[in-house]
Amino acid sequence: MLAFVLPILAGALVTFSGAARAQSLVTAIMTNPLTGLAIDGLDPVSYFTDPAPLQGLEEFEYEWSGVPWHFASAANLDVFRRAPEIYAPQYGGHGAMSMARGFLSDGDPRLYTVFKQRLYFFYSAGNREAFLLAPEHAALQGEERWQTLSKTLSTR
């Protein structure tokens, strides 16, 4: 009997520890899995100042919340350094509509909106459209759920 039960218990422990590791890999700030850069290396300030987000440059790198961020210019880096919480995407870049619905999804830095001077990313164009139907409600729901969900995420 012991020979039968031990392999089952060992398998369960491996599965549990794998799940725990996987959960800890989900970070509070979304990063590119290959480069480790926040928001795929796009300049977060440029979402507010340009018609489309600009690619950041390695020479203008700044680490905030344990993650490297790139900027298109020294001026944008300086603006971000002074108030990163204004320019960084809400919910660490996780999908805003998913957050409003109570779960995490990857946000795509190319699917975004700026609402009430805050940057929101979305998993899909459909999620962005759903958010824009009632942005006030979705943003409030997302903020409430982020308070709980963010505590389960790794800071790096």
Protein backbone atom coordinates (compact mmCIF):
# COMPACT_ATOMS: atom_id res chain seq x y z
CA MET A 1 0.00 0.00 0.00
CA LEU A 2 2.81 2.44 0.89
CA ALA A 3 4.46 1.74 -2.47
CA PHE A 4 1.21 2.80 -4.14
CA VAL A 5 0.56 5.94 -2.05
CA LEU A 6 4.08 7.45 -2.08
CA PRO A 7 4.25 8.03 -5.87
CA ILE A 8 0.81 9.68 -5.77
CA LEU A 9 1.86 12.00 -2.93
CA ALA A 10 5.13 12.84 -4.67
CA GLY A 11 3.23 13.72 -7.86
CA ALA A 12 0.84 15.92 -5.91
CA LEU A 13 3.75 17.78 -4.27
CA VAL A 14 5.44 18.38 -7.62
CA THR A 15 2.16 19.67 -9.08
CA PHE A 16 1.56 21.94 -6.08
CA SER A 17 5.08 23.38 -6.11
CA GLY A 18 4.84 23.94 -9.87
CA ALA A 19 1.58 25.86 -9.42
CA ALA A 20 3.12 27.96 -6.67
CA ARG A 21 6.10 28.77 -8.90
CA ALA A 22 3.83 29.66 -11.81
CA GLN A 23 1.78 32.00 -9.65
CA SER A 24 4.91 33.77 -8.42
CA LEU A 25 6.01 34.33 -12.02
CA VAL A 26 3.04 36.63 -12.57
CA THR A 27 4.43 40.01 -11.63
CA ALA A 28 2.82 43.22 -10.48
CA ILE A 29 4.25 45.04 -13.49
CA MET A 30 3.90 43.39 -16.88
CA THR A 31 7.22 42.90 -18.64
CA ASN A 32 8.30 41.49 -21.95
CA PRO A 33 9.31 37.89 -21.22
CA LEU A 34 12.32 38.09 -23.55
CA THR A 35 13.74 41.52 -22.70
CA GLY A 36 12.40 42.07 -19.18
CA LEU A 37 11.36 45.61 -20.18
CA ALA A 38 8.19 47.22 -18.96
CA ILE A 39 5.53 47.78 -21.63
CA ASP A 40 7.68 46.25 -24.40
CA GLY A 41 10.17 49.10 -24.16
CA LEU A 42 7.62 51.73 -25.21
CA ASP A 43 7.90 55.18 -23.64
CA PRO A 44 5.05 55.54 -21.09
CA VAL A 45 5.12 59.35 -21.23
CA SER A 46 4.65 59.34 -25.00
CA TYR A 47 1.13 57.87 -24.60
CA PHE A 48 0.19 61.27 -23.17
CA THR A 49 2.23 63.54 -25.44
CA ASP A 50 2.28 61.95 -28.90
CA PRO A 51 -0.33 60.61 -31.33
CA ALA A 52 1.01 57.07 -30.76
CA PRO A 53 3.43 55.59 -28.22
CA LEU A 54 7.11 55.91 -29.11
CA GLN A 55 9.72 53.20 -28.79
CA GLY A 56 12.03 53.95 -25.90
CA LEU A 57 15.80 53.91 -26.20
CA GLU A 58 18.25 51.95 -24.10
CA GLU A 59 20.25 55.11 -23.42
CA PHE A 60 17.22 56.52 -21.58
CA GLU A 61 16.57 53.64 -19.18
CA TYR A 62 15.22 54.04 -15.67
CA GLU A 63 14.42 51.35 -13.15
CA TRP A 64 11.17 51.78 -11.27
CA SER A 65 9.41 49.13 -9.16
CA GLY A 66 12.21 46.71 -9.94
CA VAL A 67 11.61 46.89 -13.69
CA PRO A 68 13.55 48.73 -16.44
CA TRP A 69 11.56 51.31 -18.41
CA HIS A 70 12.75 52.93 -21.65
CA PHE A 71 12.06 56.47 -22.83
CA ALA A 72 12.29 58.21 -26.19
CA SER A 73 14.09 61.22 -24.69
CA ALA A 74 15.85 62.46 -21.59
CA ALA A 75 12.95 64.88 -21.04
CA ASN A 76 10.40 62.04 -20.95
CA LEU A 77 12.60 60.06 -18.56
CA ASP A 78 12.77 63.08 -16.26
CA VAL A 79 8.99 63.60 -16.37
CA PHE A 80 8.41 59.93 -15.50
CA ARG A 81 11.00 59.98 -12.70
CA ARG A 82 9.11 62.84 -11.03
CA ALA A 83 5.69 61.13 -11.09
CA PRO A 84 5.84 57.49 -12.29
CA GLU A 85 2.41 56.61 -10.88
CA ILE A 86 0.82 59.08 -13.30
CA TYR A 87 2.48 57.71 -16.43
CA ALA A 88 2.78 54.00 -15.68
CA PRO A 89 -0.17 51.93 -16.90
CA GLN A 90 -2.90 51.15 -14.40
CA TYR A 91 -2.88 47.70 -12.79
CA GLY A 92 0.79 47.28 -13.70
CA GLY A 93 -0.16 46.94 -17.36
CA HIS A 94 -2.51 44.00 -16.83
CA GLY A 95 -5.67 44.11 -18.94
CA ALA A 96 -8.05 46.76 -17.63
CA MET A 97 -11.33 45.14 -18.62
CA SER A 98 -10.18 41.77 -17.33
CA MET A 99 -9.28 43.44 -14.04
CA ALA A 100 -12.73 45.04 -13.89
CA ARG A 101 -14.19 41.55 -14.31
CA GLY A 102 -12.02 40.19 -11.50
CA PHE A 103 -9.18 38.32 -13.18
CA LEU A 104 -5.70 38.92 -14.56
CA SER A 105 -4.79 38.97 -18.21
CA ASP A 106 -1.82 40.32 -20.11
CA GLY A 107 -2.32 43.84 -21.30
CA ASP A 108 -1.05 44.71 -24.77
CA PRO A 109 0.78 48.08 -24.79
CA ARG A 110 -0.50 48.64 -28.33
CA LEU A 111 -4.15 48.25 -27.26
CA TYR A 112 -4.68 51.16 -24.91
CA THR A 113 -6.73 54.14 -23.94
CA VAL A 114 -6.06 57.16 -21.75
CA PHE A 115 -9.04 57.85 -19.51
CA LYS A 116 -9.03 60.63 -16.89
CA GLN A 117 -5.30 61.07 -17.41
CA ARG A 118 -4.56 57.42 -16.65
CA LEU A 119 -3.20 54.82 -19.06
CA TYR A 120 -5.05 51.51 -19.47
CA PHE A 121 -3.98 48.46 -21.49
CA PHE A 122 -6.23 45.71 -22.83
CA TYR A 123 -5.96 42.07 -23.79
CA SER A 124 -7.98 42.55 -26.97
CA ALA A 125 -9.68 45.24 -29.03
CA GLY A 126 -13.01 43.82 -27.83
CA ASN A 127 -12.00 44.34 -24.22
CA ARG A 128 -11.04 47.93 -24.99
CA GLU A 129 -14.42 48.53 -26.63
CA ALA A 130 -16.21 47.01 -23.60
CA PHE A 131 -14.23 49.30 -21.28
CA LEU A 132 -15.09 52.36 -23.38
CA LEU A 133 -18.83 51.63 -23.12
CA ALA A 134 -18.69 52.45 -19.39
CA PRO A 135 -15.15 53.60 -18.56
CA GLU A 136 -15.98 55.15 -15.19
CA HIS A 137 -17.59 51.95 -13.92
CA ALA A 138 -14.89 49.70 -15.39
CA ALA A 139 -12.07 51.81 -13.93
CA LEU A 140 -13.67 51.78 -10.46
CA GLN A 141 -14.29 48.02 -10.60
CA GLY A 142 -10.73 47.47 -11.80
CA GLU A 143 -9.28 49.56 -8.99
CA GLU A 144 -11.26 47.65 -6.36
CA ARG A 145 -10.19 44.29 -7.73
CA TRP A 146 -6.56 45.39 -8.21
CA GLN A 147 -6.37 46.07 -4.47
CA THR A 148 -6.95 42.35 -3.85
CA LEU A 149 -5.33 40.74 -6.90
CA SER A 150 -2.11 42.78 -6.72
CA LYS A 151 -1.34 41.24 -3.32
CA THR A 152 -1.04 37.82 -4.95
CA LEU A 153 1.58 38.96 -7.47
CA SER A 154 5.34 38.89 -7.30
CA THR A 155 7.15 42.23 -7.20
CA ARG A 156 9.94 40.57 -9.23
